[in-house]
Amino acid sequence: MTHGAHIKAICKLLHGFAYRHDLHRLFSDCMEATAIAISNSVDLANREKREARYLEIVGHYDREVVDAFPKVLGELVLALDAEPGDVLGAVYAELEQGSKDRGQYFTPYPVAQLMAGVTIGNRESVEEIIKRNGFVRAMEPACGAGAMVIALAETMREEGIKYQQHLHVTAVDIDPRAVHMAYIQFALLHIPAAVVHGNSLSLEMHECWYTPAHILGGWTAKLARREAEEGAYALLAAPPRASAPTIEPASAPANNSPQQLSLF
């Protein structure tokens, strides 16, 4: 089966209950419940509160609807196993769940692949970062269902770089449903990532979802070690402090607004 066949199968499963449930809520609840099921297998720190939320979600539906959730996951697994891509983004579009009023647009996967190639540039520059730090970090300030990150991981794989070992992603989105969609796909593709429900503009963070690859790969410790090393290098490279304070002319503030997918 192609992606299209699996996407249609997922949509058919969900549309089968649309006559008695709001499709928007049904899809959102399916995504959140699935994300919780994956998270609770590895993230012990958040298990209790997420398990309570899971029970709250499934409590709204009868057994037939709840049994459809793992079937949706099964179709997604088969689709990603056949060929990595933004399957849930395509499902989202097929169900016409997008919100133009909220400025919500999901990047077509071929466009994401093109942009991922541009982001990586040449393989040597990425390998240089990996040689220096052990891995490369990626930041995606508006991740949607994760198309850009998935395309980045696949581009690295095609270049002979094992993204499962040498890539860590921080992905942010203001929409919790997008966060759950991205988290599910990153988890299934074994991408080490922290997927944040937050606002990249105001820097507010509501919740963080760590993929199994992040937790099982010990990435919290790896990131802390890298940040400590960078802090030490910055301290050693800093010029000596003057004996008396000096006043420097004001300079233009740095541009701290979130950019598109970036590597560092």
Foldseek 3Di string as FASTA:
>chain_A
DALVVLLVVLLVLLVVCVVPDPSLLLLLLLLLLLLLVQQLVFPVVCNPVSVVVNCVSCVVDDPSSVVVSVVNVVSVLVNVVVPNALSVLVSCVVVVVADVVVVGDDDHLVVLLVVLCVQCPDPVVQVVCCVVQVAKEKEAEAQQLNSNVRSNCVVCVVVVHNQLRHYEYEYEHQDVSSLSNNQSSCQSVNHFYWYFNDHQAVPDTDDIGTHPSNRVVVVVVSVVVSVVVVVVVCVVPDDDDDPDDDDDDDDDDDPSRDDGMHMD
